[in-house]
Amino acid sequence: MFLISTAYAQTAAPAASSGDNSFLFIMIPMFVIMYFVMIRPQQKRAKEQKALIAGVAKGDEVVTVGGIIGRITKLGESSVHIETGANVELQIQRSAIVQILPKGTLK
């Protein structure tokens, strides 16, 4: 028994509270950067797209998501009819319009 020494319990060291503050100092700027780099530009693009779709009129020349170019012949509430060639008319959703071309682009 004389080879085994007596073990004494030690009291726990006080927890450092500076770790909590440093976490906040890192996370808050991270969210601010994410807002200006990702969220704000996406909201701006969505607003521009909504204005573009609301502003289409009969006779406008448009490009669709699939790359189809045509002239608007009829407007519906959620759909648009575009003429892509001689006697070829397609019905597409308004949200599929990506760009309005300048007048006279199509011949």
PDB file of N, CA and C in Angstrom:
ATOM      1  N   MET A   1       0.789  -1.185   0.000  1.00  0.00           N
ATOM      2  CA  MET A   1       0.000   0.000   0.000  1.00  0.00           C
ATOM      3  C   MET A   1       0.843   1.266   0.000  1.00  0.00           C
ATOM      4  N   PHE A   2       2.011   1.188   0.309  1.00  0.00           N
ATOM      5  CA  PHE A   2       2.821   2.395   0.389  1.00  0.00           C
ATOM      6  C   PHE A   2       3.242   2.910  -0.993  1.00  0.00           C
ATOM      7  N   LEU A   3       3.015   2.136  -2.103  1.00  0.00           N
ATOM      8  CA  LEU A   3       3.361   2.595  -3.438  1.00  0.00           C
ATOM      9  C   LEU A   3       2.270   3.471  -4.059  1.00  0.00           C
ATOM     10  N   ILE A   4       1.085   3.381  -3.543  1.00  0.00           N
ATOM     11  CA  ILE A   4      -0.020   4.164  -4.085  1.00  0.00           C
ATOM     12  C   ILE A   4      -0.133   5.451  -3.274  1.00  0.00           C
ATOM     13  N   SER A   5      -0.046   6.586  -3.962  1.00  0.00           N
ATOM     14  CA  SER A   5      -0.149   7.863  -3.257  1.00  0.00           C
ATOM     15  C   SER A   5      -1.614   8.283  -3.151  1.00  0.00           C
ATOM     16  N   THR A   6      -1.883   9.149  -2.265  1.00  0.00           N
ATOM     17  CA  THR A   6      -3.235   9.628  -2.038  1.00  0.00           C
ATOM     18  C   THR A   6      -3.560  10.689  -3.084  1.00  0.00           C
ATOM     19  N   ALA A   7      -4.764  10.570  -3.706  1.00  0.00           N
ATOM     20  CA  ALA A   7      -5.182  11.535  -4.719  1.00  0.00           C
ATOM     21  C   ALA A   7      -6.139  12.530  -4.084  1.00  0.00           C
ATOM     22  N   TYR A   8      -5.917  13.793  -4.355  1.00  0.00           N
ATOM     23  CA  TYR A   8      -6.771  14.842  -3.814  1.00  0.00           C
ATOM     24  C   TYR A   8      -7.559  15.485  -4.958  1.00  0.00           C
ATOM     25  N   ALA A   9      -8.825  15.791  -4.722  1.00  0.00           N
ATOM     26  CA  ALA A   9      -9.672  16.418  -5.727  1.00  0.00           C
ATOM     27  C   ALA A   9      -9.318  17.897  -5.845  1.00  0.00           C
ATOM     28  N   GLN A  10      -9.309  18.369  -7.081  1.00  0.00           N
ATOM     29  CA  GLN A  10      -9.020  19.780  -7.302  1.00  0.00           C
ATOM     30  C   GLN A  10     -10.319  20.507  -7.619  1.00  0.00           C
ATOM     31  N   THR A  11     -10.367  21.758  -7.279  1.00  0.00           N
ATOM     32  CA  THR A  11     -11.553  22.547  -7.604  1.00  0.00           C
ATOM     33  C   THR A  11     -11.485  22.960  -9.069  1.00  0.00           C
ATOM     34  N   ALA A  12     -12.648  23.114  -9.700  1.00  0.00           N
ATOM     35  CA  ALA A  12     -12.709  23.469 -11.111  1.00  0.00           C
ATOM     36  C   ALA A  12     -12.329  24.940 -11.299  1.00  0.00           C
ATOM     37  N   ALA A  13     -11.632  25.194 -12.386  1.00  0.00           N
ATOM     38  CA  ALA A  13     -11.235  26.565 -12.701  1.00  0.00           C
ATOM     39  C   ALA A  13     -12.454  27.338 -13.195  1.00  0.00           C
ATOM     40  N   PRO A  14     -12.553  28.633 -12.914  1.00  0.00           N
ATOM     41  CA  PRO A  14     -13.701  29.409 -13.388  1.00  0.00           C
ATOM     42  C   PRO A  14     -13.694  29.487 -14.917  1.00  0.00           C
ATOM     43  N   ALA A  15     -14.902  29.422 -15.498  1.00  0.00           N
ATOM     44  CA  ALA A  15     -15.032  29.449 -16.960  1.00  0.00           C
ATOM     45  C   ALA A  15     -14.744  30.850 -17.490  1.00  0.00           C
ATOM     46  N   ALA A  16     -14.086  30.887 -18.630  1.00  0.00           N
ATOM     47  CA  ALA A  16     -13.764  32.174 -19.246  1.00  0.00           C
ATOM     48  C   ALA A  16     -14.978  32.666 -20.025  1.00  0.00           C
ATOM     49  N   SER A  17     -15.404  33.891 -19.777  1.00  0.00           N
ATOM     50  CA  SER A  17     -16.592  34.414 -20.448  1.00  0.00           C
ATOM     51  C   SER A  17     -16.236  35.208 -21.701  1.00  0.00           C
ATOM     52  N   SER A  18     -14.974  35.376 -21.994  1.00  0.00           N
ATOM     53  CA  SER A  18     -14.580  36.154 -23.177  1.00  0.00           C
ATOM     54  C   SER A  18     -14.864  35.399 -24.477  1.00  0.00           C
ATOM     55  N   GLY A  19     -15.036  34.098 -24.442  1.00  0.00           N
ATOM     56  CA  GLY A  19     -15.333  33.310 -25.630  1.00  0.00           C
ATOM     57  C   GLY A  19     -16.708  33.627 -26.204  1.00  0.00           C
ATOM     58  N   ASP A  20     -17.673  33.947 -25.359  1.00  0.00           N
ATOM     59  CA  ASP A  20     -19.023  34.276 -25.813  1.00  0.00           C
ATOM     60  C   ASP A  20     -19.035  35.582 -26.596  1.00  0.00           C
ATOM     61  N   ASN A  21     -18.293  36.541 -26.129  1.00  0.00           N
ATOM     62  CA  ASN A  21     -18.256  37.842 -26.798  1.00  0.00           C
ATOM     63  C   ASN A  21     -17.558  37.752 -28.150  1.00  0.00           C
ATOM     64  N   SER A  22     -16.515  36.979 -28.238  1.00  0.00           N
ATOM     65  CA  SER A  22     -15.794  36.877 -29.510  1.00  0.00           C
ATOM     66  C   SER A  22     -16.650  36.191 -30.569  1.00  0.00           C
ATOM     67  N   PHE A  23     -17.514  35.281 -30.165  1.00  0.00           N
ATOM     68  CA  PHE A  23     -18.423  34.627 -31.107  1.00  0.00           C
ATOM     69  C   PHE A  23     -19.372  35.648 -31.733  1.00  0.00           C
ATOM     70  N   LEU A  24     -19.906  36.553 -30.923  1.00  0.00           N
ATOM     71  CA  LEU A  24     -20.801  37.586 -31.442  1.00  0.00           C
ATOM     72  C   LEU A  24     -20.053  38.558 -32.347  1.00  0.00           C
ATOM     73  N   PHE A  25     -18.818  38.883 -31.991  1.00  0.00           N
ATOM     74  CA  PHE A  25     -18.034  39.818 -32.805  1.00  0.00           C
ATOM     75  C   PHE A  25     -17.692  39.231 -34.168  1.00  0.00           C
ATOM     76  N   ILE A  26     -17.742  37.935 -34.297  1.00  0.00           N
ATOM     77  CA  ILE A  26     -17.481  37.289 -35.589  1.00  0.00           C
ATOM     78  C   ILE A  26     -18.781  37.106 -36.372  1.00  0.00           C
ATOM     79  N   MET A  27     -19.849  36.699 -35.710  1.00  0.00           N
ATOM     80  CA  MET A  27     -21.093  36.360 -36.400  1.00  0.00           C
ATOM     81  C   MET A  27     -21.847  37.580 -36.929  1.00  0.00           C
ATOM     82  N   ILE A  28     -21.882  38.664 -36.194  1.00  0.00           N
ATOM     83  CA  ILE A  28     -22.635  39.841 -36.638  1.00  0.00           C
ATOM     84  C   ILE A  28     -22.061  40.406 -37.936  1.00  0.00           C
ATOM     85  N   PRO A  29     -20.761  40.654 -38.050  1.00  0.00           N
ATOM     86  CA  PRO A  29     -20.237  41.124 -39.350  1.00  0.00           C
ATOM     87  C   PRO A  29     -20.431  40.102 -40.473  1.00  0.00           C
ATOM     88  N   MET A  30     -20.423  38.833 -40.130  1.00  0.00           N
ATOM     89  CA  MET A  30     -20.627  37.792 -41.131  1.00  0.00           C
ATOM     90  C   MET A  30     -22.031  37.895 -41.737  1.00  0.00           C
ATOM     91  N   PHE A  31     -23.037  38.107 -40.908  1.00  0.00           N
ATOM     92  CA  PHE A  31     -24.403  38.258 -41.405  1.00  0.00           C
ATOM     93  C   PHE A  31     -24.565  39.548 -42.218  1.00  0.00           C
ATOM     94  N   VAL A  32     -23.897  40.607 -41.800  1.00  0.00           N
ATOM     95  CA  VAL A  32     -23.965  41.872 -42.539  1.00  0.00           C
ATOM     96  C   VAL A  32     -23.347  41.697 -43.926  1.00  0.00           C
ATOM     97  N   ILE A  33     -22.220  41.042 -44.007  1.00  0.00           N
ATOM     98  CA  ILE A  33     -21.562  40.794 -45.294  1.00  0.00           C
ATOM     99  C   ILE A  33     -22.441  39.910 -46.173  1.00  0.00           C
ATOM    100  N   MET A  34     -23.040  38.857 -45.594  1.00  0.00           N
ATOM    101  CA  MET A  34     -23.920  37.978 -46.358  1.00  0.00           C
ATOM    102  C   MET A  34     -25.115  38.743 -46.920  1.00  0.00           C
ATOM    103  N   TYR A  35     -25.655  39.680 -46.152  1.00  0.00           N
ATOM    104  CA  TYR A  35     -26.791  40.469 -46.613  1.00  0.00           C
ATOM    105  C   TYR A  35     -26.409  41.284 -47.841  1.00  0.00           C
ATOM    106  N   PHE A  36     -25.275  41.985 -47.779  1.00  0.00           N
ATOM    107  CA  PHE A  36     -24.889  42.856 -48.888  1.00  0.00           C
ATOM    108  C   PHE A  36     -24.357  42.094 -50.093  1.00  0.00           C
ATOM    109  N   VAL A  37     -23.832  40.895 -49.903  1.00  0.00           N
ATOM    110  CA  VAL A  37     -23.269  40.128 -51.016  1.00  0.00           C
ATOM    111  C   VAL A  37     -24.293  39.206 -51.661  1.00  0.00           C
ATOM    112  N   MET A  38     -25.204  38.633 -50.887  1.00  0.00           N
ATOM    113  CA  MET A  38     -26.112  37.623 -51.429  1.00  0.00           C
ATOM    114  C   MET A  38     -27.572  38.056 -51.451  1.00  0.00           C
ATOM    115  N   ILE A  39     -28.105  38.483 -50.352  1.00  0.00           N
ATOM    116  CA  ILE A  39     -29.540  38.696 -50.231  1.00  0.00           C
ATOM    117  C   ILE A  39     -29.998  39.958 -50.969  1.00  0.00           C
ATOM    118  N   ARG A  40     -29.317  41.053 -50.782  1.00  0.00           N
ATOM    119  CA  ARG A  40     -29.730  42.318 -51.395  1.00  0.00           C
ATOM    120  C   ARG A  40     -29.694  42.276 -52.926  1.00  0.00           C
ATOM    121  N   PRO A  41     -28.621  41.774 -53.558  1.00  0.00           N
ATOM    122  CA  PRO A  41     -28.634  41.694 -55.026  1.00  0.00           C
ATOM    123  C   PRO A  41     -29.727  40.782 -55.565  1.00  0.00           C
ATOM    124  N   GLN A  42     -30.018  39.700 -54.863  1.00  0.00           N
ATOM    125  CA  GLN A  42     -31.069  38.784 -55.309  1.00  0.00           C
ATOM    126  C   GLN A  42     -32.433  39.465 -55.247  1.00  0.00           C
ATOM    127  N   GLN A  43     -32.699  40.234 -54.204  1.00  0.00           N
ATOM    128  CA  GLN A  43     -33.957  40.962 -54.104  1.00  0.00           C
ATOM    129  C   GLN A  43     -34.062  42.015 -55.202  1.00  0.00           C
ATOM    130  N   LYS A  44     -32.958  42.647 -55.546  1.00  0.00           N
ATOM    131  CA  LYS A  44     -32.947  43.664 -56.602  1.00  0.00           C
ATOM    132  C   LYS A  44     -33.267  43.034 -57.958  1.00  0.00           C
ATOM    133  N   ARG A  45     -32.653  41.867 -58.252  1.00  0.00           N
ATOM    134  CA  ARG A  45     -32.930  41.170 -59.512  1.00  0.00           C
ATOM    135  C   ARG A  45     -34.383  40.730 -59.587  1.00  0.00           C
ATOM    136  N   ALA A  46     -34.935  40.237 -58.493  1.00  0.00           N
ATOM    137  CA  ALA A  46     -36.335  39.799 -58.478  1.00  0.00           C
ATOM    138  C   ALA A  46     -37.272  40.986 -58.721  1.00  0.00           C
ATOM    139  N   LYS A  47     -36.959  42.132 -58.164  1.00  0.00           N
ATOM    140  CA  LYS A  47     -37.774  43.323 -58.368  1.00  0.00           C
ATOM    141  C   LYS A  47     -37.716  43.773 -59.830  1.00  0.00           C
ATOM    142  N   GLU A  48     -36.530  43.744 -60.437  1.00  0.00           N
ATOM    143  CA  GLU A  48     -36.391  44.116 -61.848  1.00  0.00           C
ATOM    144  C   GLU A  48     -37.145  43.151 -62.759  1.00  0.00           C
ATOM    145  N   GLN A  49     -37.084  41.852 -62.470  1.00  0.00           N
ATOM    146  CA  GLN A  49     -37.780  40.843 -63.266  1.00  0.00           C
ATOM    147  C   GLN A  49     -39.291  41.029 -63.179  1.00  0.00           C
ATOM    148  N   LYS A  50     -39.780  41.341 -61.978  1.00  0.00           N
ATOM    149  CA  LYS A  50     -41.217  41.560 -61.789  1.00  0.00           C
ATOM    150  C   LYS A  50     -41.682  42.776 -62.580  1.00  0.00           C
ATOM    151  N   ALA A  51     -40.875  43.846 -62.591  1.00  0.00           N
ATOM    152  CA  ALA A  51     -41.219  45.045 -63.357  1.00  0.00           C
ATOM    153  C   ALA A  51     -41.183  44.762 -64.854  1.00  0.00           C
ATOM    154  N   LEU A  52     -40.235  43.946 -65.306  1.00  0.00           N
ATOM    155  CA  LEU A  52     -40.132  43.588 -66.722  1.00  0.00           C
ATOM    156  C   LEU A  52     -41.371  42.817 -67.169  1.00  0.00           C
ATOM    157  N   ILE A  53     -41.789  41.849 -66.385  1.00  0.00           N
ATOM    158  CA  ILE A  53     -42.946  41.027 -66.734  1.00  0.00           C
ATOM    159  C   ILE A  53     -44.226  41.858 -66.724  1.00  0.00           C
ATOM    160  N   ALA A  54     -44.328  42.763 -65.780  1.00  0.00           N
ATOM    161  CA  ALA A  54     -45.529  43.604 -65.707  1.00  0.00           C
ATOM    162  C   ALA A  54     -45.583  44.611 -66.856  1.00  0.00           C
ATOM    163  N   GLY A  55     -44.436  44.941 -67.438  1.00  0.00           N
ATOM    164  CA  GLY A  55     -44.379  45.959 -68.473  1.00  0.00           C
ATOM    165  C   GLY A  55     -44.454  45.460 -69.898  1.00  0.00           C
ATOM    166  N   VAL A  56     -44.662  44.166 -70.125  1.00  0.00           N
ATOM    167  CA  VAL A  56     -44.746  43.669 -71.499  1.00  0.00           C
ATOM    168  C   VAL A  56     -46.065  44.099 -72.130  1.00  0.00           C
ATOM    169  N   ALA A  57     -46.012  44.339 -73.430  1.00  0.00           N
ATOM    170  CA  ALA A  57     -47.203  44.765 -74.160  1.00  0.00           C
ATOM    171  C   ALA A  57     -47.263  44.034 -75.492  1.00  0.00           C
ATOM    172  N   LYS A  58     -48.429  44.082 -76.113  1.00  0.00           N
ATOM    173  CA  LYS A  58     -48.615  43.439 -77.407  1.00  0.00           C
ATOM    174  C   LYS A  58     -47.693  44.114 -78.429  1.00  0.00           C
ATOM    175  N   GLY A  59     -46.982  43.289 -79.198  1.00  0.00           N
ATOM    176  CA  GLY A  59     -46.059  43.797 -80.201  1.00  0.00           C
ATOM    177  C   GLY A  59     -44.613  43.840 -79.739  1.00  0.00           C
ATOM    178  N   ASP A  60     -44.359  43.644 -78.448  1.00  0.00           N
ATOM    179  CA  ASP A  60     -42.984  43.620 -77.941  1.00  0.00           C
ATOM    180  C   ASP A  60     -42.267  42.366 -78.438  1.00  0.00           C
ATOM    181  N   GLU A  61     -41.000  42.508 -78.698  1.00  0.00           N
ATOM    182  CA  GLU A  61     -40.166  41.369 -79.095  1.00  0.00           C
ATOM    183  C   GLU A  61     -39.407  40.908 -77.860  1.00  0.00           C
ATOM    184  N   VAL A  62     -39.550  39.621 -77.531  1.00  0.00           N
ATOM    185  CA  VAL A  62     -39.022  39.110 -76.267  1.00  0.00           C
ATOM    186  C   VAL A  62     -38.154  37.873 -76.478  1.00  0.00           C
ATOM    187  N   VAL A  63     -37.359  37.573 -75.445  1.00  0.00           N
ATOM    188  CA  VAL A  63     -36.567  36.343 -75.386  1.00  0.00           C
ATOM    189  C   VAL A  63     -37.059  35.575 -74.170  1.00  0.00           C
ATOM    190  N   THR A  64     -37.248  34.261 -74.334  1.00  0.00           N
ATOM    191  CA  THR A  64     -37.708  33.428 -73.225  1.00  0.00           C
ATOM    192  C   THR A  64     -36.530  32.761 -72.532  1.00  0.00           C
ATOM    193  N   VAL A  65     -36.820  32.077 -71.443  1.00  0.00           N
ATOM    194  CA  VAL A  65     -35.800  31.353 -70.693  1.00  0.00           C
ATOM    195  C   VAL A  65     -35.118  30.309 -71.570  1.00  0.00           C
ATOM    196  N   GLY A  66     -35.868  29.681 -72.440  1.00  0.00           N
ATOM    197  CA  GLY A  66     -35.325  28.645 -73.314  1.00  0.00           C
ATOM    198  C   GLY A  66     -34.589  29.181 -74.526  1.00  0.00           C
ATOM    199  N   GLY A  67     -34.540  30.512 -74.679  1.00  0.00           N
ATOM    200  CA  GLY A  67     -33.836  31.106 -75.801  1.00  0.00           C
ATOM    201  C   GLY A  67     -34.698  31.355 -77.018  1.00  0.00           C
ATOM    202  N   ILE A  68     -35.999  31.176 -76.912  1.00  0.00           N
ATOM    203  CA  ILE A  68     -36.909  31.404 -78.032  1.00  0.00           C
ATOM    204  C   ILE A  68     -37.155  32.905 -78.172  1.00  0.00           C
ATOM    205  N   ILE A  69     -37.027  33.387 -79.390  1.00  0.00           N
ATOM    206  CA  ILE A  69     -37.257  34.796 -79.667  1.00  0.00           C
ATOM    207  C   ILE A  69     -38.562  34.916 -80.434  1.00  0.00           C
ATOM    208  N   GLY A  70     -39.417  35.846 -80.022  1.00  0.00           N
ATOM    209  CA  GLY A  70     -40.688  36.017 -80.705  1.00  0.00           C
ATOM    210  C   GLY A  70     -41.328  37.347 -80.395  1.00  0.00           C
ATOM    211  N   ARG A  71     -42.451  37.594 -81.070  1.00  0.00           N
ATOM    212  CA  ARG A  71     -43.207  38.837 -80.897  1.00  0.00           C
ATOM    213  C   ARG A  71     -44.506  38.496 -80.178  1.00  0.00           C
ATOM    214  N   ILE A  72     -44.858  39.266 -79.182  1.00  0.00           N
ATOM    215  CA  ILE A  72     -46.076  39.026 -78.404  1.00  0.00           C
ATOM    216  C   ILE A  72     -47.298  39.368 -79.250  1.00  0.00           C
ATOM    217  N   THR A  73     -48.234  38.394 -79.335  1.00  0.00           N
ATOM    218  CA  THR A  73     -49.459  38.615 -80.102  1.00  0.00           C
ATOM    219  C   THR A  73     -50.683  38.737 -79.197  1.00  0.00           C
ATOM    220  N   LYS A  74     -50.705  38.004 -78.088  1.00  0.00           N
ATOM    221  CA  LYS A  74     -51.832  38.064 -77.152  1.00  0.00           C
ATOM    222  C   LYS A  74     -51.281  38.054 -75.735  1.00  0.00           C
ATOM    223  N   LEU A  75     -51.964  38.773 -74.864  1.00  0.00           N
ATOM    224  CA  LEU A  75     -51.587  38.809 -73.453  1.00  0.00           C
ATOM    225  C   LEU A  75     -52.695  38.209 -72.611  1.00  0.00           C
ATOM    226  N   GLY A  76     -52.310  37.346 -71.701  1.00  0.00           N
ATOM    227  CA  GLY A  76     -53.233  36.800 -70.718  1.00  0.00           C
ATOM    228  C   GLY A  76     -52.777  37.222 -69.337  1.00  0.00           C
ATOM    229  N   GLU A  77     -53.524  36.793 -68.330  1.00  0.00           N
ATOM    230  CA  GLU A  77     -53.145  37.164 -66.972  1.00  0.00           C
ATOM    231  C   GLU A  77     -51.857  36.468 -66.539  1.00  0.00           C
ATOM    232  N   SER A  78     -51.729  35.185 -66.861  1.00  0.00           N
ATOM    233  CA  SER A  78     -50.532  34.455 -66.464  1.00  0.00           C
ATOM    234  C   SER A  78     -49.772  33.884 -67.652  1.00  0.00           C
ATOM    235  N   SER A  79     -50.315  34.053 -68.846  1.00  0.00           N
ATOM    236  CA  SER A  79     -49.650  33.509 -70.032  1.00  0.00           C
ATOM    237  C   SER A  79     -49.582  34.552 -71.138  1.00  0.00           C
ATOM    238  N   VAL A  80     -48.703  34.281 -72.097  1.00  0.00           N
ATOM    239  CA  VAL A  80     -48.487  35.176 -73.229  1.00  0.00           C
ATOM    240  C   VAL A  80     -48.385  34.322 -74.479  1.00  0.00           C
ATOM    241  N   HIS A  81     -48.952  34.778 -75.572  1.00  0.00           N
ATOM    242  CA  HIS A  81     -48.807  34.105 -76.857  1.00  0.00           C
ATOM    243  C   HIS A  81     -47.740  34.860 -77.641  1.00  0.00           C
ATOM    244  N   ILE A  82     -46.734  34.119 -78.126  1.00  0.00           N
ATOM    245  CA  ILE A  82     -45.711  34.765 -78.941  1.00  0.00           C
ATOM    246  C   ILE A  82     -45.654  34.104 -80.312  1.00  0.00           C
ATOM    247  N   GLU A  83     -45.424  34.915 -81.311  1.00  0.00           N
ATOM    248  CA  GLU A  83     -45.288  34.421 -82.681  1.00  0.00           C
ATOM    249  C   GLU A  83     -43.791  34.306 -82.963  1.00  0.00           C
ATOM    250  N   THR A  84     -43.361  33.079 -83.285  1.00  0.00           N
ATOM    251  CA  THR A  84     -41.934  32.839 -83.516  1.00  0.00           C
ATOM    252  C   THR A  84     -41.592  32.751 -84.997  1.00  0.00           C
ATOM    253  N   GLY A  85     -42.556  32.550 -85.815  1.00  0.00           N
ATOM    254  CA  GLY A  85     -42.322  32.442 -87.252  1.00  0.00           C
ATOM    255  C   GLY A  85     -43.637  32.590 -87.987  1.00  0.00           C
ATOM    256  N   ALA A  86     -43.624  32.278 -89.271  1.00  0.00           N
ATOM    257  CA  ALA A  86     -44.840  32.370 -90.076  1.00  0.00           C
ATOM    258  C   ALA A  86     -45.837  31.318 -89.598  1.00  0.00           C
ATOM    259  N   ASN A  87     -46.962  31.758 -89.092  1.00  0.00           N
ATOM    260  CA  ASN A  87     -48.047  30.894 -88.612  1.00  0.00           C
ATOM    261  C   ASN A  87     -47.626  29.961 -87.478  1.00  0.00           C
ATOM    262  N   VAL A  88     -46.625  30.346 -86.699  1.00  0.00           N
ATOM    263  CA  VAL A  88     -46.203  29.556 -85.532  1.00  0.00           C
ATOM    264  C   VAL A  88     -46.400  30.432 -84.294  1.00  0.00           C
ATOM    265  N   GLU A  89     -47.312  29.987 -83.427  1.00  0.00           N
ATOM    266  CA  GLU A  89     -47.607  30.746 -82.225  1.00  0.00           C
ATOM    267  C   GLU A  89     -47.453  29.836 -81.016  1.00  0.00           C
ATOM    268  N   LEU A  90     -46.720  30.296 -80.019  1.00  0.00           N
ATOM    269  CA  LEU A  90     -46.492  29.532 -78.797  1.00  0.00           C
ATOM    270  C   LEU A  90     -47.145  30.240 -77.622  1.00  0.00           C
ATOM    271  N   GLN A  91     -47.665  29.442 -76.705  1.00  0.00           N
ATOM    272  CA  GLN A  91     -48.212  30.003 -75.478  1.00  0.00           C
ATOM    273  C   GLN A  91     -47.221  29.696 -74.363  1.00  0.00           C
ATOM    274  N   ILE A  92     -46.745  30.729 -73.693  1.00  0.00           N
ATOM    275  CA  ILE A  92     -45.774  30.554 -72.611  1.00  0.00           C
ATOM    276  C   ILE A  92     -46.255  31.302 -71.369  1.00  0.00           C
ATOM    277  N   GLN A  93     -45.663  30.983 -70.247  1.00  0.00           N
ATOM    278  CA  GLN A  93     -45.964  31.713 -69.017  1.00  0.00           C
ATOM    279  C   GLN A  93     -45.235  33.046 -69.028  1.00  0.00           C
ATOM    280  N   ARG A  94     -45.821  34.025 -68.376  1.00  0.00           N
ATOM    281  CA  ARG A  94     -45.184  35.338 -68.312  1.00  0.00           C
ATOM    282  C   ARG A  94     -43.812  35.262 -67.636  1.00  0.00           C
ATOM    283  N   SER A  95     -43.685  34.398 -66.644  1.00  0.00           N
ATOM    284  CA  SER A  95     -42.424  34.302 -65.904  1.00  0.00           C
ATOM    285  C   SER A  95     -41.284  33.751 -66.749  1.00  0.00           C
ATOM    286  N   ALA A  96     -41.590  33.195 -67.927  1.00  0.00           N
ATOM    287  CA  ALA A  96     -40.549  32.662 -68.803  1.00  0.00           C
ATOM    288  C   ALA A  96     -39.878  33.745 -69.638  1.00  0.00           C
ATOM    289  N   ILE A  97     -40.394  34.963 -69.602  1.00  0.00           N
ATOM    290  CA  ILE A  97     -39.792  36.062 -70.358  1.00  0.00           C
ATOM    291  C   ILE A  97     -38.585  36.580 -69.592  1.00  0.00           C
ATOM    292  N   VAL A  98     -37.456  36.648 -70.298  1.00  0.00           N
ATOM    293  CA  VAL A  98     -36.215  37.069 -69.673  1.00  0.00           C
ATOM    294  C   VAL A  98     -35.812  38.471 -70.096  1.00  0.00           C
ATOM    295  N   GLN A  99     -36.081  38.814 -71.337  1.00  0.00           N
ATOM    296  CA  GLN A  99     -35.590  40.077 -71.879  1.00  0.00           C
ATOM    297  C   GLN A  99     -36.560  40.608 -72.917  1.00  0.00           C
ATOM    298  N   ILE A 100     -36.687  41.926 -72.971  1.00  0.00           N
ATOM    299  CA  ILE A 100     -37.441  42.583 -74.035  1.00  0.00           C
ATOM    300  C   ILE A 100     -36.422  43.171 -74.993  1.00  0.00           C
ATOM    301  N   LEU A 101     -36.536  42.799 -76.272  1.00  0.00           N
ATOM    302  CA  LEU A 101     -35.600  43.260 -77.291  1.00  0.00           C
ATOM    303  C   LEU A 101     -36.040  44.610 -77.837  1.00  0.00           C
ATOM    304  N   PRO A 102     -35.098  45.366 -78.409  1.00  0.00           N
ATOM    305  CA  PRO A 102     -35.477  46.624 -79.049  1.00  0.00           C
ATOM    306  C   PRO A 102     -36.364  46.363 -80.261  1.00  0.00           C
ATOM    307  N   LYS A 103     -37.238  47.322 -80.564  1.00  0.00           N
ATOM    308  CA  LYS A 103     -38.152  47.182 -81.719  1.00  0.00           C
ATOM    309  C   LYS A 103     -37.328  47.038 -82.997  1.00  0.00           C
ATOM    310  N   GLY A 104     -37.783  46.161 -83.889  1.00  0.00           N
ATOM    311  CA  GLY A 104     -37.113  45.963 -85.161  1.00  0.00           C
ATOM    312  C   GLY A 104     -36.031  44.902 -85.139  1.00  0.00           C
ATOM    313  N   THR A 105     -35.860  44.206 -84.045  1.00  0.00           N
ATOM    314  CA  THR A 105     -34.851  43.156 -83.948  1.00  0.00           C
ATOM    315  C   THR A 105     -35.258  41.968 -84.835  1.00  0.00           C
ATOM    316  N   LEU A 106     -36.540  41.606 -84.779  1.00  0.00           N
ATOM    317  CA  LEU A 106     -37.049  40.517 -85.598  1.00  0.00           C
ATOM    318  C   LEU A 106     -37.456  41.049 -86.969  1.00  0.00           C
ATOM    319  N   LYS A 107     -37.294  40.237 -87.970  1.00  0.00           N
ATOM    320  CA  LYS A 107     -37.695  40.643 -89.327  1.00  0.00           C
ATOM    321  C   LYS A 107     -38.868  39.843 -89.788  1.00  0.00           C
TER     322      LYS A 107
END
